[in-house]
Amino acid sequence: MSVLVASVVTLGMFWVVPTGLALLDGPRPPGWTVLRRAWPVFAAPGALALWLPRSGLSAALAAVYALATLALALQAPARLFLTRSLRPAQVAVLTALVAPSVAGLALVAERASYPLFGFDLDILALTVPHFHFAGFGAALVAGLLCRVSDGPAARFAALSVPAGTLLVLLGYFVDDWAELAGAVVLTAGMTAVAVLTMRERRTVAATDRLTRGLLAVSALILVVTMLLALSWAVGEATGLPHLGLTWTAATHGLGNALGFTVCALLAHRRLRADRTTPLPPTPPHPARPRTELPA
């Protein structure tokens, strides 16, 4: 696995997933708190597997992380049972919980040099960051935005990002045209996320320049990275000139990981802290001195 991909995935394992999980409100299914607290323990062998040569040892280390992602995926039906709701925001959140398990399975196969479902090892290696950032990060951000602004654009983003991610995955098994259809849906959903992010930026106090800047960067970079992804999908389906897989991963992949996902999660973490920080108590008005009436 290349140094670039391994570095990005390590960031996804150790920071993106636990940071995203900390932003989720709602019911806590059995095992949720334990899993969240123990996540770095499971991420450590998974990250180590990235930097070792493909072997039985690195596959076994990857399997430890894959088990943690499977436990996280099982939180999705448990959460659905407790909420008994499939609103768009909930769909996006459930998708985020399941996505890392796809990455975990791909990681085990790639580290074991096993062409899972006939995919070559390079595709499996890129599937790992894709489902940490596009699968988990983007779906989670779409769900968070939908909870804040429950309008048509927010509902579209919360549904189309998971749908596009699923269609891209199914396109792997069908053909390039099916993958292009998924890329179109995912790009439309991500564009809605960018629009909602800029709308959210307008609600942030002008004095909080850092949060406003993080939101702006995440939205603008998201538009660029999704156009690159769409260009690659169009080129693969039609044969038109386009960036190769390596350059697409270095531009679209890196921009989506650092420019969008990391900046968006940092911004939402700051927004959450602002919303949960209690306001200071209002000081009591000083008592007015009594004025004695003349006798």
Foldseek 3Di string as FASTA:
>chain_A
DDPVLLVLLLCLQPPLVLLLLVLDDDDQFPPNVVLSVCSVVLSVLQSVLSPDAQDPSSLVSLVSNLVSLVVQLVVLVRRCVVVVDDQLLSLLQNQLSNLQNLLSVLSSCLSNLHCVVNNHSVVSSLSNLCSSQLRNQQSSLLSVLCVVPVDPLSSLLSPLSSVLVVQLVVCVVPHLVSNLVSLVSNLSSLLSSLVSLLVVLVVDDPVPVLLSVLSNQQSVLSNVLSVLVNQVSVCRVPVDDHDDPVVNCVRSVVSSSVRHRVSSSVSSVVVVCVVPDDDDDDDDDDDDDDDDDDD
